[in-house]
Amino acid sequence: MRFEVQFYEKENGERPVKEFLHSLDKKMQAKLSGLLDVLEEKGNELREPYSKHLEDGIFELRGKVGNDISRVLYFFYYEGRIIVTNGFIKKTQKTPRKQIKIAKERRKDYMERVKKNAEI
C-alpha cells in the first residue's frame, strides 16, 4: 500500500502543523521532515523509537535533536492517507492530554468535512 502524509487544514486554510514545523530550528525541521518521509514510506509499519501509538488511533512521530524533543501527532485515514494534526515541543515525560485532545478534535473535524464533501 502507498501512504501519503497530508497536513490537517482548518476551514480557513490554515495548516497548524506546517506553521509549527516552520517555527522550529533548521535541524529539528530537517529531522521531522525526514521522519515524515519515512512515515510515508513505512506507514503503519513504523514503530518505536520513531512512532508510537498513544490512544484511540492517535499516534505520535518522535523527533529528537540533542536535548530537544518534538512530537507530531497523526492518524490514519482511508486509502493510505496519514493526516498530521498538530505538533509540540515535548517538555514532560508524558504526552500532554491537551495535545491528544487537539488531535482528536481535528480528526473529528477532518472526518466530518470529508463526509460532508462526499455527499455533495
PDB file of N, CA and C in Angstrom:
ATOM      1  N   MET A   1       0.832  -1.195   0.000  1.00  0.00           N
ATOM      2  CA  MET A   1       0.000   0.000   0.000  1.00  0.00           C
ATOM      3  C   MET A   1       0.873   1.256   0.000  1.00  0.00           C
ATOM      4  N   ARG A   2       0.448   2.246  -0.712  1.00  0.00           N
ATOM      5  CA  ARG A   2       1.155   3.519  -0.781  1.00  0.00           C
ATOM      6  C   ARG A   2       0.540   4.469   0.241  1.00  0.00           C
ATOM      7  N   PHE A   3       1.380   5.081   1.050  1.00  0.00           N
ATOM      8  CA  PHE A   3       0.893   6.028   2.054  1.00  0.00           C
ATOM      9  C   PHE A   3       1.171   7.449   1.603  1.00  0.00           C
ATOM     10  N   GLU A   4       0.318   8.361   2.045  1.00  0.00           N
ATOM     11  CA  GLU A   4       0.511   9.759   1.713  1.00  0.00           C
ATOM     12  C   GLU A   4       0.254  10.599   2.960  1.00  0.00           C
ATOM     13  N   VAL A   5       1.268  11.362   3.366  1.00  0.00           N
ATOM     14  CA  VAL A   5       1.124  12.248   4.514  1.00  0.00           C
ATOM     15  C   VAL A   5       0.461  13.541   4.042  1.00  0.00           C
ATOM     16  N   GLN A   6      -0.584  13.935   4.762  1.00  0.00           N
ATOM     17  CA  GLN A   6      -1.276  15.193   4.465  1.00  0.00           C
ATOM     18  C   GLN A   6      -1.371  16.001   5.749  1.00  0.00           C
ATOM     19  N   PHE A   7      -1.248  17.312   5.620  1.00  0.00           N
ATOM     20  CA  PHE A   7      -1.386  18.184   6.787  1.00  0.00           C
ATOM     21  C   PHE A   7      -2.848  18.531   6.990  1.00  0.00           C
ATOM     22  N   TYR A   8      -3.305  18.396   8.225  1.00  0.00           N
ATOM     23  CA  TYR A   8      -4.658  18.810   8.571  1.00  0.00           C
ATOM     24  C   TYR A   8      -4.800  20.292   8.233  1.00  0.00           C
ATOM     25  N   GLU A   9      -5.919  20.626   7.619  1.00  0.00           N
ATOM     26  CA  GLU A   9      -6.167  22.013   7.230  1.00  0.00           C
ATOM     27  C   GLU A   9      -7.470  22.481   7.858  1.00  0.00           C
ATOM     28  N   LYS A  10      -7.400  23.624   8.535  1.00  0.00           N
ATOM     29  CA  LYS A  10      -8.618  24.209   9.105  1.00  0.00           C
ATOM     30  C   LYS A  10      -9.488  24.733   7.970  1.00  0.00           C
ATOM     31  N   GLU A  11     -10.731  25.034   8.289  1.00  0.00           N
ATOM     32  CA  GLU A  11     -11.646  25.533   7.255  1.00  0.00           C
ATOM     33  C   GLU A  11     -11.150  26.833   6.638  1.00  0.00           C
ATOM     34  N   ASN A  12     -10.401  27.616   7.402  1.00  0.00           N
ATOM     35  CA  ASN A  12      -9.888  28.892   6.873  1.00  0.00           C
ATOM     36  C   ASN A  12      -8.599  28.712   6.069  1.00  0.00           C
ATOM     37  N   GLY A  13      -8.171  27.441   5.879  1.00  0.00           N
ATOM     38  CA  GLY A  13      -6.995  27.166   5.068  1.00  0.00           C
ATOM     39  C   GLY A  13      -5.689  27.086   5.850  1.00  0.00           C
ATOM     40  N   GLU A  14      -5.726  27.416   7.136  1.00  0.00           N
ATOM     41  CA  GLU A  14      -4.507  27.322   7.959  1.00  0.00           C
ATOM     42  C   GLU A  14      -4.103  25.863   8.121  1.00  0.00           C
ATOM     43  N   ARG A  15      -2.802  25.644   8.152  1.00  0.00           N
ATOM     44  CA  ARG A  15      -2.265  24.310   8.416  1.00  0.00           C
ATOM     45  C   ARG A  15      -1.374  24.399   9.654  1.00  0.00           C
ATOM     46  N   PRO A  16      -1.941  24.112  10.824  1.00  0.00           N
ATOM     47  CA  PRO A  16      -1.210  24.301  12.091  1.00  0.00           C
ATOM     48  C   PRO A  16       0.134  23.565  12.153  1.00  0.00           C
ATOM     49  N   VAL A  17       0.208  22.362  11.592  1.00  0.00           N
ATOM     50  CA  VAL A  17       1.457  21.603  11.683  1.00  0.00           C
ATOM     51  C   VAL A  17       2.542  22.262  10.833  1.00  0.00           C
ATOM     52  N   LYS A  18       2.161  22.757   9.658  1.00  0.00           N
ATOM     53  CA  LYS A  18       3.131  23.458   8.804  1.00  0.00           C
ATOM     54  C   LYS A  18       3.706  24.658   9.548  1.00  0.00           C
ATOM     55  N   GLU A  19       2.824  25.423  10.219  1.00  0.00           N
ATOM     56  CA  GLU A  19       3.263  26.582  10.996  1.00  0.00           C
ATOM     57  C   GLU A  19       4.195  26.139  12.127  1.00  0.00           C
ATOM     58  N   PHE A  20       3.823  25.049  12.800  1.00  0.00           N
ATOM     59  CA  PHE A  20       4.661  24.526  13.878  1.00  0.00           C
ATOM     60  C   PHE A  20       6.046  24.142  13.349  1.00  0.00           C
ATOM     61  N   LEU A  21       6.087  23.420  12.238  1.00  0.00           N
ATOM     62  CA  LEU A  21       7.364  22.988  11.668  1.00  0.00           C
ATOM     63  C   LEU A  21       8.241  24.184  11.295  1.00  0.00           C
ATOM     64  N   HIS A  22       7.610  25.224  10.731  1.00  0.00           N
ATOM     65  CA  HIS A  22       8.379  26.419  10.354  1.00  0.00           C
ATOM     66  C   HIS A  22       8.905  27.176  11.570  1.00  0.00           C
ATOM     67  N   SER A  23       8.290  26.955  12.741  1.00  0.00           N
ATOM     68  CA  SER A  23       8.721  27.644  13.952  1.00  0.00           C
ATOM     69  C   SER A  23       9.950  26.981  14.591  1.00  0.00           C
ATOM     70  N   LEU A  24      10.266  25.777  14.164  1.00  0.00           N
ATOM     71  CA  LEU A  24      11.386  25.029  14.761  1.00  0.00           C
ATOM     72  C   LEU A  24      12.715  25.445  14.136  1.00  0.00           C
ATOM     73  N   ASP A  25      13.808  25.125  14.840  1.00  0.00           N
ATOM     74  CA  ASP A  25      15.118  25.424  14.255  1.00  0.00           C
ATOM     75  C   ASP A  25      15.377  24.471  13.085  1.00  0.00           C
ATOM     76  N   LYS A  26      16.341  24.831  12.263  1.00  0.00           N
ATOM     77  CA  LYS A  26      16.593  24.112  10.999  1.00  0.00           C
ATOM     78  C   LYS A  26      16.878  22.625  11.211  1.00  0.00           C
ATOM     79  N   LYS A  27      17.635  22.295  12.258  1.00  0.00           N
ATOM     80  CA  LYS A  27      17.981  20.883  12.493  1.00  0.00           C
ATOM     81  C   LYS A  27      16.741  20.055  12.811  1.00  0.00           C
ATOM     82  N   MET A  28      15.868  20.607  13.668  1.00  0.00           N
ATOM     83  CA  MET A  28      14.646  19.884  14.039  1.00  0.00           C
ATOM     84  C   MET A  28      13.692  19.825  12.849  1.00  0.00           C
ATOM     85  N   GLN A  29      13.633  20.885  12.056  1.00  0.00           N
ATOM     86  CA  GLN A  29      12.812  20.866  10.846  1.00  0.00           C
ATOM     87  C   GLN A  29      13.258  19.732   9.930  1.00  0.00           C
ATOM     88  N   ALA A  30      14.559  19.624   9.747  1.00  0.00           N
ATOM     89  CA  ALA A  30      15.121  18.581   8.867  1.00  0.00           C
ATOM     90  C   ALA A  30      14.815  17.190   9.428  1.00  0.00           C
ATOM     91  N   LYS A  31      14.955  17.051  10.746  1.00  0.00           N
ATOM     92  CA  LYS A  31      14.697  15.758  11.403  1.00  0.00           C
ATOM     93  C   LYS A  31      13.245  15.331  11.192  1.00  0.00           C
ATOM     94  N   LEU A  32      12.302  16.231  11.499  1.00  0.00           N
ATOM     95  CA  LEU A  32      10.884  15.883  11.380  1.00  0.00           C
ATOM     96  C   LEU A  32      10.472  15.701   9.916  1.00  0.00           C
ATOM     97  N   SER A  33      11.048  16.487   9.037  1.00  0.00           N
ATOM     98  CA  SER A  33      10.759  16.338   7.611  1.00  0.00           C
ATOM     99  C   SER A  33      11.198  14.950   7.135  1.00  0.00           C
ATOM    100  N   GLY A  34      12.373  14.538   7.565  1.00  0.00           N
ATOM    101  CA  GLY A  34      12.874  13.199   7.236  1.00  0.00           C
ATOM    102  C   GLY A  34      11.988  12.110   7.808  1.00  0.00           C
ATOM    103  N   LEU A  35      11.528  12.316   9.054  1.00  0.00           N
ATOM    104  CA  LEU A  35      10.655  11.324   9.688  1.00  0.00           C
ATOM    105  C   LEU A  35       9.306  11.244   8.978  1.00  0.00           C
ATOM    106  N   LEU A  36       8.797  12.374   8.503  1.00  0.00           N
ATOM    107  CA  LEU A  36       7.535  12.358   7.747  1.00  0.00           C
ATOM    108  C   LEU A  36       7.706  11.570   6.447  1.00  0.00           C
ATOM    109  N   ASP A  37       8.878  11.693   5.834  1.00  0.00           N
ATOM    110  CA  ASP A  37       9.168  10.904   4.627  1.00  0.00           C
ATOM    111  C   ASP A  37       9.183   9.406   4.940  1.00  0.00           C
ATOM    112  N   VAL A  38       9.819   9.052   6.062  1.00  0.00           N
ATOM    113  CA  VAL A  38       9.881   7.640   6.470  1.00  0.00           C
ATOM    114  C   VAL A  38       8.471   7.139   6.790  1.00  0.00           C
ATOM    115  N   LEU A  39       7.678   7.982   7.448  1.00  0.00           N
ATOM    116  CA  LEU A  39       6.299   7.611   7.770  1.00  0.00           C
ATOM    117  C   LEU A  39       5.513   7.340   6.487  1.00  0.00           C
ATOM    118  N   GLU A  40       5.723   8.169   5.482  1.00  0.00           N
ATOM    119  CA  GLU A  40       5.038   7.984   4.206  1.00  0.00           C
ATOM    120  C   GLU A  40       5.455   6.661   3.559  1.00  0.00           C
ATOM    121  N   GLU A  41       6.713   6.324   3.728  1.00  0.00           N
ATOM    122  CA  GLU A  41       7.245   5.092   3.146  1.00  0.00           C
ATOM    123  C   GLU A  41       6.777   3.848   3.902  1.00  0.00           C
ATOM    124  N   LYS A  42       6.822   3.904   5.236  1.00  0.00           N
ATOM    125  CA  LYS A  42       6.537   2.723   6.072  1.00  0.00           C
ATOM    126  C   LYS A  42       5.085   2.649   6.543  1.00  0.00           C
ATOM    127  N   GLY A  43       4.441   3.813   6.671  1.00  0.00           N
ATOM    128  CA  GLY A  43       3.053   3.843   7.130  1.00  0.00           C
ATOM    129  C   GLY A  43       2.869   3.184   8.476  1.00  0.00           C
ATOM    130  N   ASN A  44       1.888   2.287   8.555  1.00  0.00           N
ATOM    131  CA  ASN A  44       1.569   1.668   9.844  1.00  0.00           C
ATOM    132  C   ASN A  44       2.592   0.635  10.296  1.00  0.00           C
ATOM    133  N   GLU A  45       3.672   0.451   9.547  1.00  0.00           N
ATOM    134  CA  GLU A  45       4.738  -0.452  10.000  1.00  0.00           C
ATOM    135  C   GLU A  45       5.817   0.302  10.782  1.00  0.00           C
ATOM    136  N   LEU A  46       5.743   1.629  10.794  1.00  0.00           N
ATOM    137  CA  LEU A  46       6.736   2.420  11.530  1.00  0.00           C
ATOM    138  C   LEU A  46       6.480   2.279  13.027  1.00  0.00           C
ATOM    139  N   ARG A  47       7.518   1.926  13.759  1.00  0.00           N
ATOM    140  CA  ARG A  47       7.390   1.669  15.205  1.00  0.00           C
ATOM    141  C   ARG A  47       8.362   2.536  16.003  1.00  0.00           C
ATOM    142  N   GLU A  48       8.371   2.289  17.326  1.00  0.00           N
ATOM    143  CA  GLU A  48       9.318   2.978  18.194  1.00  0.00           C
ATOM    144  C   GLU A  48      10.735   2.653  17.731  1.00  0.00           C
ATOM    145  N   PRO A  49      11.660   3.570  17.868  1.00  0.00           N
ATOM    146  CA  PRO A  49      11.581   4.838  18.600  1.00  0.00           C
ATOM    147  C   PRO A  49      10.998   5.999  17.780  1.00  0.00           C
ATOM    148  N   TYR A  50      10.603   5.749  16.528  1.00  0.00           N
ATOM    149  CA  TYR A  50      10.168   6.856  15.664  1.00  0.00           C
ATOM    150  C   TYR A  50       8.689   7.181  15.800  1.00  0.00           C
ATOM    151  N   SER A  51       7.890   6.163  16.025  1.00  0.00           N
ATOM    152  CA  SER A  51       6.449   6.354  16.076  1.00  0.00           C
ATOM    153  C   SER A  51       5.883   5.533  17.224  1.00  0.00           C
ATOM    154  N   LYS A  52       4.841   6.071  17.843  1.00  0.00           N
ATOM    155  CA  LYS A  52       4.228   5.351  18.958  1.00  0.00           C
ATOM    156  C   LYS A  52       2.725   5.605  18.955  1.00  0.00           C
ATOM    157  N   HIS A  53       1.954   4.533  19.168  1.00  0.00           N
ATOM    158  CA  HIS A  53       0.504   4.677  19.315  1.00  0.00           C
ATOM    159  C   HIS A  53       0.230   5.225  20.706  1.00  0.00           C
ATOM    160  N   LEU A  54      -0.531   6.302  20.792  1.00  0.00           N
ATOM    161  CA  LEU A  54      -0.855   6.892  22.094  1.00  0.00           C
ATOM    162  C   LEU A  54      -2.162   6.328  22.623  1.00  0.00           C
ATOM    163  N   GLU A  55      -3.252   6.601  21.901  1.00  0.00           N
ATOM    164  CA  GLU A  55      -4.556   6.067  22.299  1.00  0.00           C
ATOM    165  C   GLU A  55      -5.563   6.324  21.200  1.00  0.00           C
ATOM    166  N   ASP A  56      -6.540   5.462  21.106  1.00  0.00           N
ATOM    167  CA  ASP A  56      -7.694   5.686  20.247  1.00  0.00           C
ATOM    168  C   ASP A  56      -7.316   6.084  18.814  1.00  0.00           C
ATOM    169  N   GLY A  57      -6.316   5.416  18.253  1.00  0.00           N
ATOM    170  CA  GLY A  57      -5.944   5.686  16.867  1.00  0.00           C
ATOM    171  C   GLY A  57      -5.110   6.938  16.639  1.00  0.00           C
ATOM    172  N   ILE A  58      -4.667   7.568  17.719  1.00  0.00           N
ATOM    173  CA  ILE A  58      -3.785   8.737  17.603  1.00  0.00           C
ATOM    174  C   ILE A  58      -2.351   8.258  17.843  1.00  0.00           C
ATOM    175  N   PHE A  59      -1.461   8.636  16.923  1.00  0.00           N
ATOM    176  CA  PHE A  59      -0.052   8.251  17.006  1.00  0.00           C
ATOM    177  C   PHE A  59       0.811   9.492  17.131  1.00  0.00           C
ATOM    178  N   GLU A  60       2.053   9.291  17.609  1.00  0.00           N
ATOM    179  CA  GLU A  60       2.991  10.409  17.627  1.00  0.00           C
ATOM    180  C   GLU A  60       4.249  10.033  16.864  1.00  0.00           C
ATOM    181  N   LEU A  61       4.749  10.993  16.111  1.00  0.00           N
ATOM    182  CA  LEU A  61       6.020  10.877  15.419  1.00  0.00           C
ATOM    183  C   LEU A  61       7.021  11.588  16.315  1.00  0.00           C
ATOM    184  N   ARG A  62       8.165  10.937  16.578  1.00  0.00           N
ATOM    185  CA  ARG A  62       9.053  11.416  17.627  1.00  0.00           C
ATOM    186  C   ARG A  62      10.386  11.891  17.063  1.00  0.00           C
ATOM    187  N   GLY A  63      10.601  13.203  17.170  1.00  0.00           N
ATOM    188  CA  GLY A  63      11.849  13.790  16.697  1.00  0.00           C
ATOM    189  C   GLY A  63      12.713  14.237  17.847  1.00  0.00           C
ATOM    190  N   LYS A  64      14.022  13.967  17.735  1.00  0.00           N
ATOM    191  CA  LYS A  64      14.946  14.379  18.790  1.00  0.00           C
ATOM    192  C   LYS A  64      16.248  14.871  18.166  1.00  0.00           C
ATOM    193  N   VAL A  65      16.646  16.072  18.582  1.00  0.00           N
ATOM    194  CA  VAL A  65      17.928  16.637  18.153  1.00  0.00           C
ATOM    195  C   VAL A  65      18.604  17.140  19.416  1.00  0.00           C
ATOM    196  N   GLY A  66      19.703  16.505  19.799  1.00  0.00           N
ATOM    197  CA  GLY A  66      20.361  16.869  21.060  1.00  0.00           C
ATOM    198  C   GLY A  66      19.403  16.615  22.209  1.00  0.00           C
ATOM    199  N   ASN A  67      19.161  17.663  23.012  1.00  0.00           N
ATOM    200  CA  ASN A  67      18.213  17.530  24.125  1.00  0.00           C
ATOM    201  C   ASN A  67      16.810  18.015  23.760  1.00  0.00           C
ATOM    202  N   ASP A  68      16.648  18.490  22.544  1.00  0.00           N
ATOM    203  CA  ASP A  68      15.337  18.987  22.118  1.00  0.00           C
ATOM    204  C   ASP A  68      14.494  17.848  21.567  1.00  0.00           C
ATOM    205  N   ILE A  69      13.261  17.789  22.039  1.00  0.00           N
ATOM    206  CA  ILE A  69      12.344  16.735  21.610  1.00  0.00           C
ATOM    207  C   ILE A  69      11.079  17.382  21.067  1.00  0.00           C
ATOM    208  N   SER A  70      10.706  16.999  19.868  1.00  0.00           N
ATOM    209  CA  SER A  70       9.455  17.479  19.281  1.00  0.00           C
ATOM    210  C   SER A  70       8.601  16.286  18.897  1.00  0.00           C
ATOM    211  N   ARG A  71       7.302  16.516  18.925  1.00  0.00           N
ATOM    212  CA  ARG A  71       6.354  15.476  18.559  1.00  0.00           C
ATOM    213  C   ARG A  71       5.355  16.033  17.544  1.00  0.00           C
ATOM    214  N   VAL A  72       4.944  15.164  16.640  1.00  0.00           N
ATOM    215  CA  VAL A  72       3.892  15.500  15.694  1.00  0.00           C
ATOM    216  C   VAL A  72       2.862  14.382  15.797  1.00  0.00           C
ATOM    217  N   LEU A  73       1.600  14.752  16.035  1.00  0.00           N
ATOM    218  CA  LEU A  73       0.545  13.749  16.190  1.00  0.00           C
ATOM    219  C   LEU A  73      -0.174  13.539  14.862  1.00  0.00           C
ATOM    220  N   TYR A  74      -0.641  12.309  14.659  1.00  0.00           N
ATOM    221  CA  TYR A  74      -1.295  11.976  13.392  1.00  0.00           C
ATOM    222  C   TYR A  74      -2.237  10.797  13.563  1.00  0.00           C
ATOM    223  N   PHE A  75      -3.063  10.581  12.529  1.00  0.00           N
ATOM    224  CA  PHE A  75      -3.930   9.403  12.486  1.00  0.00           C
ATOM    225  C   PHE A  75      -3.981   8.893  11.051  1.00  0.00           C
ATOM    226  N   PHE A  76      -4.388   7.657  10.922  1.00  0.00           N
ATOM    227  CA  PHE A  76      -4.519   7.036   9.599  1.00  0.00           C
ATOM    228  C   PHE A  76      -5.947   7.207   9.109  1.00  0.00           C
ATOM    229  N   TYR A  77      -6.084   7.477   7.808  1.00  0.00           N
ATOM    230  CA  TYR A  77      -7.398   7.588   7.192  1.00  0.00           C
ATOM    231  C   TYR A  77      -7.436   6.641   6.001  1.00  0.00           C
ATOM    232  N   TYR A  78      -8.572   6.515   5.374  1.00  0.00           N
ATOM    233  CA  TYR A  78      -8.725   5.572   4.265  1.00  0.00           C
ATOM    234  C   TYR A  78      -7.719   5.799   3.144  1.00  0.00           C
ATOM    235  N   GLU A  79      -7.507   4.744   2.377  1.00  0.00           N
ATOM    236  CA  GLU A  79      -6.677   4.776   1.178  1.00  0.00           C
ATOM    237  C   GLU A  79      -5.256   5.266   1.440  1.00  0.00           C
ATOM    238  N   GLY A  80      -4.712   4.889   2.592  1.00  0.00           N
ATOM    239  CA  GLY A  80      -3.319   5.190   2.881  1.00  0.00           C
ATOM    240  C   GLY A  80      -3.024   6.624   3.273  1.00  0.00           C
ATOM    241  N   ARG A  81      -4.067   7.396   3.553  1.00  0.00           N
ATOM    242  CA  ARG A  81      -3.819   8.777   3.965  1.00  0.00           C
ATOM    243  C   ARG A  81      -3.428   8.835   5.437  1.00  0.00           C
ATOM    244  N   ILE A  82      -2.400   9.607   5.707  1.00  0.00           N
ATOM    245  CA  ILE A  82      -1.950   9.845   7.072  1.00  0.00           C
ATOM    246  C   ILE A  82      -2.137  11.342   7.307  1.00  0.00           C
ATOM    247  N   ILE A  83      -3.002  11.682   8.248  1.00  0.00           N
ATOM    248  CA  ILE A  83      -3.319  13.081   8.497  1.00  0.00           C
ATOM    249  C   ILE A  83      -2.563  13.550   9.740  1.00  0.00           C
ATOM    250  N   VAL A  84      -1.689  14.527   9.533  1.00  0.00           N
ATOM    251  CA  VAL A  84      -0.864  15.089  10.609  1.00  0.00           C
ATOM    252  C   VAL A  84      -1.660  16.246  11.202  1.00  0.00           C
ATOM    253  N   THR A  85      -1.966  16.161  12.508  1.00  0.00           N
ATOM    254  CA  THR A  85      -2.905  17.112  13.113  1.00  0.00           C
ATOM    255  C   THR A  85      -2.253  18.260  13.875  1.00  0.00           C
ATOM    256  N   ASN A  86      -1.234  17.975  14.656  1.00  0.00           N
ATOM    257  CA  ASN A  86      -0.635  19.020  15.483  1.00  0.00           C
ATOM    258  C   ASN A  86       0.761  18.609  15.930  1.00  0.00           C
ATOM    259  N   GLY A  87       1.531  19.606  16.341  1.00  0.00           N
ATOM    260  CA  GLY A  87       2.888  19.350  16.806  1.00  0.00           C
ATOM    261  C   GLY A  87       3.179  20.173  18.042  1.00  0.00           C
ATOM    262  N   PHE A  88       4.144  19.719  18.804  1.00  0.00           N
ATOM    263  CA  PHE A  88       4.528  20.461  20.011  1.00  0.00           C
ATOM    264  C   PHE A  88       5.938  20.084  20.419  1.00  0.00           C
ATOM    265  N   ILE A  89       6.532  20.951  21.235  1.00  0.00           N
ATOM    266  CA  ILE A  89       7.851  20.666  21.792  1.00  0.00           C
ATOM    267  C   ILE A  89       7.606  19.959  23.116  1.00  0.00           C
ATOM    268  N   LYS A  90       8.245  18.822  23.263  1.00  0.00           N
ATOM    269  CA  LYS A  90       7.987  17.986  24.438  1.00  0.00           C
ATOM    270  C   LYS A  90       8.850  18.435  25.606  1.00  0.00           C
ATOM    271  N   LYS A  91       8.198  18.724  26.711  1.00  0.00           N
ATOM    272  CA  LYS A  91       8.918  19.179  27.897  1.00  0.00           C
ATOM    273  C   LYS A  91       8.714  18.250  29.095  1.00  0.00           C
ATOM    274  N   THR A  92       7.736  17.355  28.993  1.00  0.00           N
ATOM    275  CA  THR A  92       7.441  16.456  30.114  1.00  0.00           C
ATOM    276  C   THR A  92       7.541  15.012  29.652  1.00  0.00           C
ATOM    277  N   GLN A  93       7.536  14.097  30.594  1.00  0.00           N
ATOM    278  CA  GLN A  93       7.670  12.678  30.289  1.00  0.00           C
ATOM    279  C   GLN A  93       6.478  12.175  29.485  1.00  0.00           C
ATOM    280  N   LYS A  94       5.297  12.559  29.921  1.00  0.00           N
ATOM    281  CA  LYS A  94       4.082  12.093  29.241  1.00  0.00           C
ATOM    282  C   LYS A  94       3.623  13.105  28.201  1.00  0.00           C
ATOM    283  N   THR A  95       2.975  12.601  27.152  1.00  0.00           N
ATOM    284  CA  THR A  95       2.391  13.493  26.148  1.00  0.00           C
ATOM    285  C   THR A  95       1.231  14.231  26.807  1.00  0.00           C
ATOM    286  N   PRO A  96       1.229  15.568  26.731  1.00  0.00           N
ATOM    287  CA  PRO A  96       0.150  16.332  27.394  1.00  0.00           C
ATOM    288  C   PRO A  96      -1.234  15.953  26.860  1.00  0.00           C
ATOM    289  N   ARG A  97      -2.189  15.781  27.773  1.00  0.00           N
ATOM    290  CA  ARG A  97      -3.575  15.427  27.412  1.00  0.00           C
ATOM    291  C   ARG A  97      -4.134  16.437  26.413  1.00  0.00           C
ATOM    292  N   LYS A  98      -3.775  17.687  26.626  1.00  0.00           N
ATOM    293  CA  LYS A  98      -4.285  18.756  25.770  1.00  0.00           C
ATOM    294  C   LYS A  98      -3.924  18.503  24.301  1.00  0.00           C
ATOM    295  N   GLN A  99      -2.716  18.003  24.063  1.00  0.00           N
ATOM    296  CA  GLN A  99      -2.275  17.747  22.683  1.00  0.00           C
ATOM    297  C   GLN A  99      -3.040  16.585  22.067  1.00  0.00           C
ATOM    298  N   ILE A 100      -3.301  15.553  22.857  1.00  0.00           N
ATOM    299  CA  ILE A 100      -4.076  14.408  22.363  1.00  0.00           C
ATOM    300  C   ILE A 100      -5.506  14.863  22.067  1.00  0.00           C
ATOM    301  N   LYS A 101      -6.041  15.716  22.931  1.00  0.00           N
ATOM    302  CA  LYS A 101      -7.393  16.246  22.738  1.00  0.00           C
ATOM    303  C   LYS A 101      -7.469  17.047  21.435  1.00  0.00           C
ATOM    304  N   ILE A 102      -6.458  17.868  21.164  1.00  0.00           N
ATOM    305  CA  ILE A 102      -6.413  18.656  19.919  1.00  0.00           C
ATOM    306  C   ILE A 102      -6.421  17.704  18.719  1.00  0.00           C
ATOM    307  N   ALA A 103      -5.595  16.658  18.787  1.00  0.00           N
ATOM    308  CA  ALA A 103      -5.515  15.693  17.676  1.00  0.00           C
ATOM    309  C   ALA A 103      -6.875  15.039  17.432  1.00  0.00           C
ATOM    310  N   LYS A 104      -7.566  14.659  18.508  1.00  0.00           N
ATOM    311  CA  LYS A 104      -8.877  14.011  18.364  1.00  0.00           C
ATOM    312  C   LYS A 104      -9.914  14.980  17.805  1.00  0.00           C
ATOM    313  N   GLU A 105      -9.878  16.240  18.266  1.00  0.00           N
ATOM    314  CA  GLU A 105     -10.817  17.246  17.760  1.00  0.00           C
ATOM    315  C   GLU A 105     -10.594  17.494  16.272  1.00  0.00           C
ATOM    316  N   ARG A 106      -9.331  17.576  15.882  1.00  0.00           N
ATOM    317  CA  ARG A 106      -9.022  17.826  14.472  1.00  0.00           C
ATOM    318  C   ARG A 106      -9.375  16.622  13.608  1.00  0.00           C
ATOM    319  N   ARG A 107      -9.200  15.418  14.155  1.00  0.00           N
ATOM    320  CA  ARG A 107      -9.594  14.215  13.409  1.00  0.00           C
ATOM    321  C   ARG A 107     -11.106  14.226  13.179  1.00  0.00           C
ATOM    322  N   LYS A 108     -11.861  14.559  14.221  1.00  0.00           N
ATOM    323  CA  LYS A 108     -13.316  14.605  14.118  1.00  0.00           C
ATOM    324  C   LYS A 108     -13.727  15.641  13.075  1.00  0.00           C
ATOM    325  N   ASP A 109     -13.133  16.811  13.129  1.00  0.00           N
ATOM    326  CA  ASP A 109     -13.431  17.876  12.172  1.00  0.00           C
ATOM    327  C   ASP A 109     -13.099  17.428  10.743  1.00  0.00           C
ATOM    328  N   TYR A 110     -11.925  16.826  10.584  1.00  0.00           N
ATOM    329  CA  TYR A 110     -11.485  16.358   9.267  1.00  0.00           C
ATOM    330  C   TYR A 110     -12.487  15.357   8.690  1.00  0.00           C
ATOM    331  N   MET A 111     -12.861  14.371   9.496  1.00  0.00           N
ATOM    332  CA  MET A 111     -13.753  13.314   9.030  1.00  0.00           C
ATOM    333  C   MET A 111     -15.149  13.858   8.703  1.00  0.00           C
ATOM    334  N   GLU A 112     -15.625  14.791   9.506  1.00  0.00           N
ATOM    335  CA  GLU A 112     -16.935  15.388   9.234  1.00  0.00           C
ATOM    336  C   GLU A 112     -16.917  16.154   7.914  1.00  0.00           C
ATOM    337  N   ARG A 113     -15.837  16.894   7.671  1.00  0.00           N
ATOM    338  CA  ARG A 113     -15.757  17.676   6.439  1.00  0.00           C
ATOM    339  C   ARG A 113     -15.578  16.779   5.211  1.00  0.00           C
ATOM    340  N   VAL A 114     -14.798  15.702   5.348  1.00  0.00           N
ATOM    341  CA  VAL A 114     -14.633  14.754   4.232  1.00  0.00           C
ATOM    342  C   VAL A 114     -15.987  14.138   3.891  1.00  0.00           C
ATOM    343  N   LYS A 115     -16.721  13.744   4.931  1.00  0.00           N
ATOM    344  CA  LYS A 115     -18.027  13.118   4.737  1.00  0.00           C
ATOM    345  C   LYS A 115     -18.986  14.118   4.082  1.00  0.00           C
ATOM    346  N   LYS A 116     -18.987  15.349   4.558  1.00  0.00           N
ATOM    347  CA  LYS A 116     -19.876  16.382   4.009  1.00  0.00           C
ATOM    348  C   LYS A 116     -19.543  16.633   2.528  1.00  0.00           C
ATOM    349  N   ASN A 117     -18.252  16.700   2.201  1.00  0.00           N
ATOM    350  CA  ASN A 117     -17.839  16.932   0.814  1.00  0.00           C
ATOM    351  C   ASN A 117     -18.203  15.749  -0.085  1.00  0.00           C
ATOM    352  N   ALA A 118     -18.195  14.553   0.485  1.00  0.00           N
ATOM    353  CA  ALA A 118     -18.515  13.350  -0.302  1.00  0.00           C
ATOM    354  C   ALA A 118     -20.008  13.317  -0.644  1.00  0.00           C
ATOM    355  N   GLU A 119     -20.813  13.953   0.198  1.00  0.00           N
ATOM    356  CA  GLU A 119     -22.265  13.934  -0.008  1.00  0.00           C
ATOM    357  C   GLU A 119     -22.711  14.976  -1.034  1.00  0.00           C
ATOM    358  N   ILE A 120     -21.858  15.909  -1.355  1.00  0.00           N
ATOM    359  CA  ILE A 120     -22.228  16.997  -2.280  1.00  0.00           C
ATOM    360  C   ILE A 120     -22.275  16.493  -3.711  1.00  0.00           C
TER     361      ILE A 120
END
